[in-house]
């Protein structure tokens, strides 16, 4: 149990560790004394994260960089082979890797939905499957899945992303019960709008309105809250006042949220038939 108090010598694997929340969580773990496998698709960016940690005085033996595309089975196999060789077991798996897509669903090609699910859901699920043998050998192990406010309330202009995160929530809720028989706790973190480059890396961005100004939550604060939730074995946490308010109101007054979001959306489409009274083929 001591590892959960000070994280010293905890063994962790963090996906999507090359930037954003994944980077912040990996850095927080290393600074707390954990041994961490950092994985992501960009070897160069992972190298920059590792170099920054070493400049700050991190023990090189605690920073293990493994570039991998988690949608590729061979890459996942190699990742977990190295994790077993270097760590032997895991106390923490952070399933953070993900991608967004913004804009109206009817304007996007079918590949967008499939690619978002491939990265946000299927790769996450297979990483969880591959990690289970290592987690079962760890001390009081936890799997943290990065959810979203959009895992609890669908938002216009993010259909593909919302659908993938709702799938993550269903997976996590069921897996939390199944993995109790192995002594593995499963936690979902819904970070809200964080000040990360997530939006810049979207597969497609055809949204009429940018939400960049909403991204105010500091990644370091999200990382600290996520690790506190791991320590307390929370089932799910939702961060930022805006995010918690949306989820709460939607729980009790979903029709009101529908109305508000509809008004917000239609302001961006003043030529909509709903507003102009026109109908297709009406002449």
Protein backbone atom coordinates (compact mmCIF):
# COMPACT_ATOMS: atom_id res chain seq x y z
CA UNK A 1 0.00 0.00 0.00
CA UNK A 2 2.93 2.37 0.57
CA UNK A 3 3.31 3.04 -3.12
CA UNK A 4 -0.05 4.79 -3.15
CA UNK A 5 1.11 7.25 -0.48
CA UNK A 6 4.28 8.46 -2.12
CA UNK A 7 4.41 6.69 -5.52
CA UNK A 8 8.05 5.74 -4.92
CA UNK A 9 8.96 2.80 -7.15
CA UNK A 10 5.43 2.45 -8.51
CA UNK A 11 5.44 0.96 -12.00
CA UNK A 12 3.30 2.76 -14.56
CA UNK A 13 2.58 2.87 -18.28
CA UNK A 14 1.16 6.06 -19.80
CA UNK A 15 -0.22 6.18 -23.34
CA UNK A 16 -0.33 9.43 -25.28
CA UNK A 17 2.61 10.60 -23.18
CA UNK A 18 4.21 12.82 -25.81
CA UNK A 19 2.01 15.86 -25.10
CA UNK A 20 -0.96 17.25 -23.23
CA UNK A 21 -2.48 15.37 -20.31
CA UNK A 22 -0.49 12.21 -20.94
CA UNK A 23 2.74 14.14 -20.71
CA UNK A 24 1.61 15.93 -17.55
CA UNK A 25 0.63 12.67 -15.85
CA UNK A 26 3.87 10.93 -16.89
CA UNK A 27 5.94 13.84 -15.60
CA UNK A 28 4.03 13.92 -12.31
CA UNK A 29 4.60 10.20 -11.81
CA UNK A 30 8.33 10.39 -12.52
CA UNK A 31 8.71 13.36 -10.16
CA UNK A 32 6.95 11.37 -7.46
CA UNK A 33 9.49 8.57 -7.82
CA UNK A 34 7.65 6.16 -10.10
CA UNK A 35 9.15 4.16 -12.92
CA UNK A 36 7.22 5.01 -16.06
CA UNK A 37 6.92 3.66 -19.58
CA UNK A 38 6.04 6.60 -21.84
CA UNK A 39 4.48 5.68 -25.15
CA UNK A 40 3.10 7.60 -28.11
CA UNK A 41 3.40 7.65 -31.87
CA UNK A 42 6.08 10.35 -32.12
CA UNK A 43 9.53 9.17 -31.13
CA UNK A 44 10.88 12.72 -31.41
CA UNK A 45 8.29 14.22 -29.05
CA UNK A 46 8.68 11.38 -26.56
CA UNK A 47 12.41 12.04 -26.65
CA UNK A 48 11.80 15.69 -25.82
CA UNK A 49 9.65 14.72 -22.81
CA UNK A 50 12.30 12.32 -21.56
CA UNK A 51 15.09 14.86 -22.09
CA UNK A 52 13.18 17.49 -20.11
CA UNK A 53 12.69 15.07 -17.22
CA UNK A 54 16.36 14.16 -17.20
CA UNK A 55 17.35 17.84 -17.21
CA UNK A 56 15.16 18.26 -14.14
CA UNK A 57 17.11 15.53 -12.39
CA UNK A 58 15.04 12.42 -13.07
CA UNK A 59 16.77 9.06 -12.72
CA UNK A 60 17.27 7.73 -16.29
CA UNK A 61 16.18 4.29 -15.08
CA UNK A 62 12.74 5.66 -14.26
CA UNK A 63 12.01 7.03 -17.74
CA UNK A 64 11.42 4.36 -20.39
CA UNK A 65 10.49 5.58 -23.88
CA UNK A 66 8.71 3.19 -26.24
CA UNK A 67 7.32 4.74 -29.46
CA UNK A 68 4.26 2.80 -30.65
CA UNK A 69 1.12 3.15 -32.73
CA UNK A 70 -1.40 1.50 -30.44
CA UNK A 71 -3.75 0.72 -33.32
CA UNK A 72 -1.10 -1.71 -34.66
CA UNK A 73 -1.06 -5.13 -32.92
CA UNK A 74 2.68 -5.63 -33.47
CA UNK A 75 3.42 -2.29 -31.81
CA UNK A 76 1.24 -3.19 -28.82
CA UNK A 77 3.01 -6.54 -28.49
CA UNK A 78 6.41 -4.86 -28.56
CA UNK A 79 5.30 -2.25 -26.01
CA UNK A 80 4.18 -4.82 -23.47
CA UNK A 81 7.19 -7.04 -24.07
CA UNK A 82 9.43 -4.10 -23.13
CA UNK A 83 7.20 -3.16 -20.19
CA UNK A 84 7.49 -6.67 -18.78
CA UNK A 85 11.24 -6.78 -19.34
CA UNK A 86 11.85 -3.39 -17.74
CA UNK A 87 9.19 -3.28 -15.01
CA UNK A 88 8.01 -6.84 -14.42
CA UNK A 89 4.51 -5.69 -13.43
CA UNK A 90 2.30 -2.59 -13.34
CA UNK A 91 0.67 -0.69 -10.52
CA UNK A 92 -0.89 1.85 -12.89
CA UNK A 93 -2.02 1.90 -16.50
CA UNK A 94 -3.04 5.32 -17.83
CA UNK A 95 -5.11 4.91 -20.99
CA UNK A 96 -4.84 8.47 -22.23
CA UNK A 97 -4.13 8.30 -25.98
CA UNK A 98 -6.93 9.81 -28.03
CA UNK A 99 -7.87 12.01 -30.96
CA UNK A 100 -10.66 14.43 -31.76
CA UNK A 101 -12.75 15.43 -34.76
CA UNK A 102 -14.86 18.58 -34.94
CA UNK A 103 -17.54 19.73 -37.34
CA UNK A 104 -20.94 18.49 -38.47
CA UNK A 105 -21.26 14.72 -38.85
CA UNK A 106 -23.10 14.95 -42.18
CA UNK A 107 -20.15 16.82 -43.72
CA UNK A 108 -17.54 14.22 -42.77
CA UNK A 109 -16.42 11.15 -44.70
CA UNK A 110 -17.08 7.71 -43.14
CA UNK A 111 -13.39 7.16 -42.38
CA UNK A 112 -13.45 9.89 -39.73
CA UNK A 113 -15.83 7.98 -37.45
CA UNK A 114 -13.94 4.73 -37.95
CA UNK A 115 -10.55 6.28 -37.26
CA UNK A 116 -11.74 8.07 -34.12
CA UNK A 117 -13.11 4.77 -32.78
CA UNK A 118 -9.96 2.90 -33.79
CA UNK A 119 -7.80 5.22 -31.68
CA UNK A 120 -10.12 6.28 -28.85
CA UNK A 121 -11.88 3.00 -28.21
CA UNK A 122 -10.48 -0.09 -29.90
CA UNK A 123 -6.81 0.69 -29.23
CA UNK A 124 -7.66 1.62 -25.63
CA UNK A 125 -9.56 -1.63 -25.13
CA UNK A 126 -6.74 -3.75 -26.56
CA UNK A 127 -4.15 -1.92 -24.45
CA UNK A 128 -6.29 -2.76 -21.41
CA UNK A 129 -6.45 -6.40 -22.45
CA UNK A 130 -2.69 -6.59 -22.97
CA UNK A 131 -1.98 -4.83 -19.66
CA UNK A 132 -4.11 -7.11 -17.48
CA UNK A 133 -1.44 -9.80 -16.88
CA UNK A 134 1.01 -7.10 -15.70
CA UNK A 135 -1.61 -5.35 -13.58
CA UNK A 136 -2.56 -8.62 -11.89
CA UNK A 137 1.04 -8.95 -10.76
CA UNK A 138 1.21 -5.39 -9.45
CA UNK A 139 0.57 -4.06 -5.95
CA UNK A 140 -2.95 -2.66 -5.55
CA UNK A 141 -3.19 -1.96 -9.32
CA UNK A 142 -5.34 0.65 -11.05
CA UNK A 143 -6.33 1.24 -14.65
CA UNK A 144 -7.14 4.90 -15.37
CA UNK A 145 -9.12 5.59 -18.54
CA UNK A 146 -9.32 9.13 -19.84
CA UNK A 147 -12.94 9.89 -20.51
CA UNK A 148 -14.47 13.27 -21.27
CA UNK A 149 -17.36 15.55 -20.41
CA UNK A 150 -18.49 14.37 -23.85
CA UNK A 151 -18.66 10.84 -22.43
CA UNK A 152 -21.63 11.98 -20.33
CA UNK A 153 -23.27 14.55 -22.60
CA UNK A 154 -23.14 14.65 -26.39
CA UNK A 155 -22.22 18.03 -27.87
CA UNK A 156 -23.00 19.23 -31.43
CA UNK A 157 -19.98 19.46 -33.67
CA UNK A 158 -18.28 16.51 -31.91
CA UNK A 159 -20.45 13.56 -32.88
CA UNK A 160 -17.62 11.11 -33.62
CA UNK A 161 -15.64 12.05 -30.52
CA UNK A 162 -18.71 11.93 -28.25
CA UNK A 163 -19.70 8.51 -29.57
CA UNK A 164 -16.22 7.11 -28.94
CA UNK A 165 -16.11 8.48 -25.39
CA UNK A 166 -19.59 7.16 -24.58
CA UNK A 167 -18.20 3.78 -25.65
CA UNK A 168 -15.25 4.27 -23.31
CA UNK A 169 -17.63 4.95 -20.41
CA UNK A 170 -19.62 1.79 -21.04
CA UNK A 171 -16.42 -0.23 -21.31
CA UNK A 172 -15.07 1.23 -18.06
CA UNK A 173 -18.29 0.69 -16.08
CA UNK A 174 -18.50 -2.96 -17.08
CA UNK A 175 -14.77 -3.62 -16.74
CA UNK A 176 -14.67 -2.09 -13.26
CA UNK A 177 -16.93 -4.89 -12.03
CA UNK A 178 -15.28 -7.67 -14.04
CA UNK A 179 -11.76 -6.81 -12.89
CA UNK A 180 -12.68 -6.77 -9.21
CA UNK A 181 -12.04 -10.50 -9.23
CA UNK A 182 -8.40 -9.72 -10.12
CA UNK A 183 -8.05 -6.92 -7.55
CA UNK A 184 -7.65 -4.28 -10.31
CA UNK A 185 -9.48 -1.00 -9.75
CA UNK A 186 -10.78 0.91 -12.81
CA UNK A 187 -11.20 4.69 -12.79
CA UNK A 188 -12.54 7.16 -15.38
CA UNK A 189 -11.30 10.77 -15.46
CA UNK A 190 -13.34 13.39 -17.34
CA UNK A 191 -10.94 16.31 -17.62
CA UNK A 192 -13.08 18.99 -19.26
CA UNK A 193 -11.50 21.60 -21.54
CA UNK A 194 -7.78 21.48 -20.79
CA UNK A 195 -5.09 23.83 -22.07
CA UNK A 196 -3.48 21.24 -24.33
CA UNK A 197 -2.81 20.91 -28.09
CA UNK A 198 -5.65 18.36 -28.36
CA UNK A 199 -7.69 20.53 -30.70
CA UNK A 200 -4.71 21.20 -32.94
CA UNK A 201 -4.29 17.47 -33.53
CA UNK A 202 -7.89 16.77 -34.57
CA UNK A 203 -8.35 14.42 -37.52
CA UNK A 204 -10.66 16.98 -39.10
CA UNK A 205 -11.69 20.44 -37.94
CA UNK A 206 -14.60 21.89 -39.87
CA UNK A 207 -16.39 23.44 -36.89
CA UNK A 208 -17.77 26.92 -37.43
CA UNK A 209 -16.97 27.98 -33.87
CA UNK A 210 -13.69 27.46 -32.03
CA UNK A 211 -13.74 26.44 -28.36
CA UNK A 212 -10.04 27.16 -27.89
CA UNK A 213 -10.85 29.94 -25.42
CA UNK A 214 -12.62 27.40 -23.20
CA UNK A 215 -9.40 25.42 -22.72
CA UNK A 216 -8.32 26.89 -19.42
CA UNK A 217 -7.65 23.89 -17.15
CA UNK A 218 -3.91 23.49 -16.62
CA UNK A 219 -2.60 20.00 -17.57
CA UNK A 220 -0.58 19.89 -14.34
CA UNK A 221 -3.74 20.47 -12.29
CA UNK A 222 -5.58 17.74 -14.19
CA UNK A 223 -2.65 15.35 -13.63
CA UNK A 224 -2.61 16.07 -9.91
CA UNK A 225 -6.37 15.53 -9.63
CA UNK A 226 -6.13 12.29 -11.60
CA UNK A 227 -3.42 10.90 -9.32
CA UNK A 228 -5.37 11.91 -6.23
CA UNK A 229 -8.35 10.01 -7.65
CA UNK A 230 -6.14 6.96 -8.16
CA UNK A 231 -4.94 7.19 -4.55
CA UNK A 232 -8.51 7.45 -3.25
CA UNK A 233 -9.75 4.75 -5.64
CA UNK A 234 -12.49 6.96 -7.04
CA UNK A 235 -14.78 5.41 -9.62
CA UNK A 236 -15.07 8.55 -11.75
CA UNK A 237 -14.18 12.21 -11.45
CA UNK A 238 -15.32 15.16 -13.56
CA UNK A 239 -13.16 18.26 -13.58
CA UNK A 240 -13.76 22.02 -14.08
CA UNK A 241 -16.80 23.92 -12.83
CA UNK A 242 -18.16 24.21 -16.38
CA UNK A 243 -17.89 20.46 -16.93
CA UNK A 244 -19.47 19.48 -13.61
CA UNK A 245 -22.31 21.95 -14.14
CA UNK A 246 -23.10 20.58 -17.58
CA UNK A 247 -23.14 16.99 -16.38
CA UNK A 248 -25.28 17.84 -13.35
CA UNK A 249 -27.88 19.86 -15.26
CA UNK A 250 -28.03 17.21 -17.98
CA UNK A 251 -28.69 14.51 -15.40
CA UNK A 252 -31.85 16.20 -14.14
CA UNK A 253 -32.91 18.47 -17.02
CA UNK A 254 -31.66 16.95 -20.28
CA UNK A 255 -34.39 18.71 -22.25
CA UNK A 256 -33.13 22.07 -21.05
CA UNK A 257 -29.62 21.21 -22.16
CA UNK A 258 -30.97 20.10 -25.57
CA UNK A 259 -32.76 23.43 -25.88
CA UNK A 260 -29.71 25.46 -24.94
CA UNK A 261 -27.37 23.58 -27.24
CA UNK A 262 -29.89 23.80 -30.09
CA UNK A 263 -30.12 27.58 -29.73
CA UNK A 264 -26.33 27.83 -29.64
CA UNK A 265 -25.98 25.66 -32.76
CA UNK A 266 -28.69 27.37 -34.78
CA UNK A 267 -27.04 30.74 -34.25
CA UNK A 268 -24.19 29.36 -36.34
CA UNK A 269 -26.62 28.30 -39.10
CA UNK A 270 -28.88 31.33 -39.76
CA UNK A 271 -29.76 29.87 -43.18
CA UNK A 272 -31.16 26.68 -41.62
CA UNK A 273 -34.61 25.61 -42.90
CA UNK A 274 -35.73 25.50 -39.25
CA UNK A 275 -35.12 29.27 -39.01
CA UNK A 276 -36.10 30.35 -42.50
CA UNK A 277 -39.19 28.18 -42.85
CA UNK A 278 -37.82 26.64 -46.06
CA UNK A 279 -38.00 22.90 -46.63
CA UNK A 280 -36.08 20.79 -49.16
CA UNK A 281 -37.77 20.69 -52.58
CA UNK A 282 -40.34 23.26 -51.44
CA UNK A 283 -39.61 25.42 -54.47
